[in-house]
Amino acid sequence: MNTFGKRIRPVVDTEIHEAFELEAKGLPDLGFRHLERAHVLGQASTVQHVRVHMQMLFWAWRHGRFKEAFGQVIRVVGAATKTAIGLVPTGNTGGADVSPFRRMPVSGDLQQKIDAASKA
């Protein structure tokens, strides 16, 4: 795992943990928003990018969201094969309701975390 991937992992972990916590409280859609935040944070690291898409796939499967699950299967393959060569649309939230090619603005709090993890 590259340096960015190692540095961003704890922040991605926090968002994934929050997603699980909200899902356990019966708020799965709110939890998915934290998976989207984790996606924005980790999408520049192949390992973290694939990892978040896998969590999104598992979430979709648990909640019977088969369109989302299908979209995540495609995104897992894309993340595994395209991240390392830089074919990642910055800020994309990673859900199947958004084109996998669409660039999106990054919220200030997430950008600060990405910038901190990017520093060598």
Protein backbone atom coordinates (compact mmCIF):
# COMPACT_ATOMS: atom_id res chain seq x y z
CA MET A 1 0.00 0.00 0.00
CA ASN A 2 1.39 3.43 -0.89
CA THR A 3 2.00 6.16 1.68
CA PHE A 4 -1.29 7.94 0.93
CA GLY A 5 -3.19 4.67 1.32
CA LYS A 6 -1.60 4.05 4.72
CA ARG A 7 -2.25 7.57 5.91
CA ILE A 8 -5.86 7.78 4.73
CA ARG A 9 -6.86 4.34 6.01
CA PRO A 10 -7.66 5.42 9.62
CA VAL A 11 -9.92 8.17 8.30
CA VAL A 12 -11.64 5.75 5.91
CA ASP A 13 -11.98 3.27 8.80
CA THR A 14 -13.74 5.91 10.88
CA GLU A 15 -16.32 6.54 8.16
CA ILE A 16 -16.90 2.81 7.62
CA HIS A 17 -17.32 2.33 11.37
CA GLU A 18 -19.84 5.18 11.49
CA ALA A 19 -21.75 3.53 8.62
CA PHE A 20 -21.97 0.26 10.58
CA GLU A 21 -23.06 2.10 13.73
CA LEU A 22 -25.89 3.89 11.94
CA GLU A 23 -26.95 0.72 10.16
CA ALA A 24 -27.11 -1.07 13.54
CA LYS A 25 -29.34 1.75 14.81
CA GLY A 26 -31.77 1.15 11.96
CA LEU A 27 -30.53 4.04 9.82
CA PRO A 28 -28.98 2.24 6.84
CA ASP A 29 -29.44 5.06 4.33
CA LEU A 30 -27.70 7.51 6.63
CA GLY A 31 -25.00 4.89 7.10
CA PHE A 32 -24.54 4.65 3.34
CA ARG A 33 -23.76 8.37 3.30
CA HIS A 34 -20.72 7.57 5.45
CA LEU A 35 -19.67 4.91 2.96
CA GLU A 36 -19.87 7.61 0.29
CA ARG A 37 -17.66 9.84 2.44
CA ALA A 38 -15.23 6.93 2.85
CA HIS A 39 -15.23 6.56 -0.93
CA VAL A 40 -14.29 10.20 -1.52
CA LEU A 41 -11.52 9.90 1.05
CA GLY A 42 -10.01 6.68 -0.23
CA GLN A 43 -10.53 6.81 -3.95
CA ALA A 44 -6.92 7.80 -4.73
CA SER A 45 -5.65 4.54 -3.16
CA THR A 46 -6.42 1.34 -5.04
CA VAL A 47 -6.66 -0.70 -1.83
CA GLN A 48 -8.94 1.76 -0.05
CA HIS A 49 -11.00 2.41 -3.17
CA VAL A 50 -11.71 -1.27 -3.73
CA ARG A 51 -12.28 -1.81 -0.01
CA VAL A 52 -14.96 0.90 0.15
CA HIS A 53 -16.72 -0.37 -2.95
CA MET A 54 -16.78 -3.86 -1.40
CA GLN A 55 -18.41 -2.38 1.72
CA MET A 56 -20.96 -0.65 -0.50
CA LEU A 57 -21.62 -3.95 -2.27
CA PHE A 58 -22.15 -5.77 1.04
CA TRP A 59 -24.43 -2.95 2.26
CA ALA A 60 -26.52 -3.19 -0.93
CA TRP A 61 -26.79 -6.96 -0.61
CA ARG A 62 -27.86 -6.78 3.05
CA HIS A 63 -30.61 -4.31 2.20
CA GLY A 64 -31.87 -5.96 -0.96
CA ARG A 65 -30.78 -3.07 -3.15
CA PHE A 66 -29.93 -5.16 -6.16
CA LYS A 67 -29.47 -2.27 -8.60
CA GLU A 68 -26.93 -0.80 -6.18
CA ALA A 69 -25.27 -4.20 -5.76
CA PHE A 70 -24.93 -4.64 -9.52
CA GLY A 71 -23.50 -1.14 -9.83
CA GLN A 72 -20.99 -1.90 -7.09
CA VAL A 73 -19.77 -5.06 -8.81
CA ILE A 74 -18.91 -2.94 -11.85
CA ARG A 75 -17.30 -0.29 -9.65
CA VAL A 76 -15.17 -2.84 -7.78
CA VAL A 77 -13.70 -3.96 -11.11
CA GLY A 78 -13.19 -0.35 -12.18
CA ALA A 79 -11.57 0.63 -8.88
CA ALA A 80 -9.24 -2.38 -9.02
CA THR A 81 -8.13 -1.70 -12.58
CA LYS A 82 -8.32 2.07 -13.05
CA THR A 83 -7.29 3.72 -9.76
CA ALA A 84 -3.56 3.10 -10.11
CA ILE A 85 -3.49 4.79 -13.51
CA GLY A 86 -5.37 7.83 -12.23
CA LEU A 87 -8.73 7.25 -13.88
CA VAL A 88 -10.69 8.39 -10.85
CA PRO A 89 -13.25 11.22 -11.00
CA THR A 90 -12.38 13.38 -8.00
CA GLY A 91 -15.14 13.73 -5.42
CA ASN A 92 -17.37 11.05 -6.91
CA THR A 93 -19.41 9.52 -4.09
CA GLY A 94 -19.28 6.01 -5.53
CA GLY A 95 -22.93 5.00 -5.33
CA ALA A 96 -24.70 3.40 -8.29
CA ASP A 97 -27.01 6.43 -8.50
CA VAL A 98 -24.07 8.51 -9.80
CA SER A 99 -22.18 7.99 -13.05
CA PRO A 100 -18.80 6.41 -12.27
CA PHE A 101 -17.24 9.06 -14.54
CA ARG A 102 -18.77 12.14 -12.90
CA ARG A 103 -16.48 14.53 -11.04
CA MET A 104 -18.07 16.11 -7.97
CA PRO A 105 -17.01 18.80 -5.50
CA VAL A 106 -15.23 17.59 -2.36
CA SER A 107 -16.55 18.97 0.91
CA GLY A 108 -14.11 21.10 2.89
CA ASP A 109 -13.78 18.69 5.81
CA LEU A 110 -12.98 15.76 3.52
CA GLN A 111 -10.54 17.82 1.45
CA GLN A 112 -8.64 18.75 4.63
CA LYS A 113 -8.32 15.05 5.51
CA ILE A 114 -7.19 14.15 2.00
CA ASP A 115 -4.63 16.98 2.02
CA ALA A 116 -3.27 15.88 5.42
CA ALA A 117 -2.88 12.29 4.21
CA SER A 118 -1.24 13.47 0.97
CA LYS A 119 1.61 15.24 2.73
CA ALA A 120 4.80 13.22 2.79
